[in-house]
Amino acid sequence: MADHNHAPAHGDDGMDYAEHEKTYARFTTLVKYGSVAVVVLLILMAVFLR
């Protein structure tokens, strides 16, 4: 059978949780500012494209 290199039983699964949390924080910041930018764009379109 093939060896699938399962994670050790003691909890060290090789994940870099600090890097994961930084990446998630960047993602949520991007979503927040991206959403604000879309709302501002829609407001500007409503004002100037009448």
N, C-alpha and C. Protein backbone atom coordinates (compact mmCIF):
# COMPACT_ATOMS: atom_id res chain seq x y z
N MET A 1 0.83 -1.19 0.00
CA MET A 1 0.00 0.00 0.00
C MET A 1 0.87 1.25 0.00
N ALA A 2 0.30 2.32 -0.45
CA ALA A 2 1.03 3.59 -0.51
C ALA A 2 1.07 4.24 0.86
N ASP A 3 2.18 4.88 1.15
CA ASP A 3 2.31 5.63 2.41
C ASP A 3 1.83 7.06 2.15
N HIS A 4 0.81 7.48 2.88
CA HIS A 4 0.21 8.80 2.65
C HIS A 4 0.74 9.87 3.59
N ASN A 5 1.74 9.57 4.38
CA ASN A 5 2.37 10.54 5.28
C ASN A 5 1.35 11.28 6.14
N HIS A 6 0.59 10.54 6.91
CA HIS A 6 -0.39 11.15 7.80
C HIS A 6 0.30 11.96 8.88
N ALA A 7 -0.42 12.95 9.42
CA ALA A 7 0.13 13.81 10.47
C ALA A 7 0.38 12.99 11.74
N PRO A 8 1.41 13.33 12.48
CA PRO A 8 1.69 12.62 13.73
C PRO A 8 0.55 12.78 14.72
N ALA A 9 0.42 11.84 15.61
CA ALA A 9 -0.68 11.83 16.57
C ALA A 9 -0.52 12.86 17.68
N HIS A 10 0.66 13.48 17.82
CA HIS A 10 0.89 14.39 18.94
C HIS A 10 0.49 15.82 18.63
N GLY A 11 -0.18 16.07 17.53
CA GLY A 11 -0.74 17.40 17.27
C GLY A 11 0.11 18.29 16.38
N ASP A 12 1.33 17.91 16.05
CA ASP A 12 2.17 18.72 15.17
C ASP A 12 1.84 18.36 13.73
N ASP A 13 0.90 19.11 13.13
CA ASP A 13 0.47 18.77 11.78
C ASP A 13 1.22 19.55 10.70
N GLY A 14 2.22 20.34 11.08
CA GLY A 14 3.02 21.06 10.11
C GLY A 14 2.43 22.38 9.67
N MET A 15 1.32 22.78 10.22
CA MET A 15 0.69 24.06 9.84
C MET A 15 1.41 25.22 10.52
N ASP A 16 1.58 26.29 9.77
CA ASP A 16 2.15 27.52 10.32
C ASP A 16 0.99 28.43 10.69
N TYR A 17 0.50 28.28 11.91
CA TYR A 17 -0.71 28.99 12.32
C TYR A 17 -0.52 30.50 12.38
N ALA A 18 0.65 30.97 12.71
CA ALA A 18 0.89 32.42 12.74
C ALA A 18 0.75 32.99 11.33
N GLU A 19 1.31 32.33 10.35
CA GLU A 19 1.20 32.78 8.97
C GLU A 19 -0.23 32.68 8.48
N HIS A 20 -0.92 31.63 8.88
CA HIS A 20 -2.33 31.47 8.51
C HIS A 20 -3.17 32.62 9.04
N GLU A 21 -2.94 33.01 10.28
CA GLU A 21 -3.70 34.11 10.88
C GLU A 21 -3.38 35.44 10.21
N LYS A 22 -2.12 35.66 9.83
CA LYS A 22 -1.77 36.89 9.12
C LYS A 22 -2.44 36.94 7.76
N THR A 23 -2.47 35.82 7.06
CA THR A 23 -3.10 35.77 5.74
C THR A 23 -4.60 36.03 5.86
N TYR A 24 -5.24 35.44 6.87
CA TYR A 24 -6.67 35.66 7.07
C TYR A 24 -6.96 37.12 7.42
N ALA A 25 -6.08 37.73 8.22
CA ALA A 25 -6.27 39.14 8.56
C ALA A 25 -6.15 40.01 7.31
N ARG A 26 -5.21 39.71 6.44
CA ARG A 26 -5.08 40.46 5.18
C ARG A 26 -6.31 40.27 4.31
N PHE A 27 -6.82 39.05 4.26
CA PHE A 27 -8.01 38.76 3.46
C PHE A 27 -9.22 39.54 3.96
N THR A 28 -9.44 39.55 5.27
CA THR A 28 -10.60 40.26 5.81
C THR A 28 -10.45 41.77 5.61
N THR A 29 -9.24 42.29 5.71
CA THR A 29 -9.01 43.71 5.45
C THR A 29 -9.31 44.04 3.99
N LEU A 30 -8.86 43.18 3.09
CA LEU A 30 -9.13 43.40 1.66
C LEU A 30 -10.62 43.37 1.37
N VAL A 31 -11.34 42.45 1.96
CA VAL A 31 -12.78 42.36 1.76
C VAL A 31 -13.47 43.61 2.31
N LYS A 32 -13.04 44.07 3.47
CA LYS A 32 -13.65 45.25 4.09
C LYS A 32 -13.45 46.48 3.21
N TYR A 33 -12.21 46.77 2.83
CA TYR A 33 -11.94 47.95 2.02
C TYR A 33 -12.48 47.80 0.60
N GLY A 34 -12.49 46.60 0.07
CA GLY A 34 -13.07 46.37 -1.24
C GLY A 34 -14.57 46.64 -1.25
N SER A 35 -15.24 46.22 -0.19
CA SER A 35 -16.68 46.47 -0.08
C SER A 35 -16.97 47.96 0.03
N VAL A 36 -16.17 48.67 0.80
CA VAL A 36 -16.34 50.12 0.92
C VAL A 36 -16.10 50.78 -0.42
N ALA A 37 -15.10 50.34 -1.17
CA ALA A 37 -14.81 50.92 -2.47
C ALA A 37 -15.96 50.70 -3.44
N VAL A 38 -16.58 49.53 -3.42
CA VAL A 38 -17.71 49.26 -4.30
C VAL A 38 -18.89 50.15 -3.94
N VAL A 39 -19.16 50.33 -2.65
CA VAL A 39 -20.27 51.19 -2.23
C VAL A 39 -20.02 52.63 -2.66
N VAL A 40 -18.79 53.12 -2.48
CA VAL A 40 -18.46 54.48 -2.90
C VAL A 40 -18.62 54.62 -4.41
N LEU A 41 -18.17 53.62 -5.17
CA LEU A 41 -18.31 53.66 -6.62
C LEU A 41 -19.78 53.71 -7.02
N LEU A 42 -20.61 52.91 -6.37
CA LEU A 42 -22.04 52.92 -6.70
C LEU A 42 -22.68 54.27 -6.37
N ILE A 43 -22.29 54.87 -5.26
CA ILE A 43 -22.82 56.19 -4.90
C ILE A 43 -22.39 57.23 -5.92
N LEU A 44 -21.13 57.21 -6.31
CA LEU A 44 -20.65 58.15 -7.32
C LEU A 44 -21.35 57.96 -8.65
N MET A 45 -21.59 56.71 -9.03
CA MET A 45 -22.32 56.44 -10.28
C MET A 45 -23.75 56.97 -10.19
N ALA A 46 -24.38 56.83 -9.04
CA ALA A 46 -25.75 57.33 -8.88
C ALA A 46 -25.80 58.85 -8.96
N VAL A 47 -24.75 59.52 -8.48
CA VAL A 47 -24.73 60.98 -8.50
C VAL A 47 -24.42 61.51 -9.89
N PHE A 48 -23.41 60.96 -10.54
CA PHE A 48 -22.92 61.55 -11.78
C PHE A 48 -23.53 60.96 -13.06
N LEU A 49 -24.19 59.85 -12.99
CA LEU A 49 -24.72 59.21 -14.20
C LEU A 49 -26.24 59.30 -14.27
N ARG A 50 -26.77 60.41 -13.83
CA ARG A 50 -28.21 60.60 -13.91
C ARG A 50 -28.63 61.06 -15.27
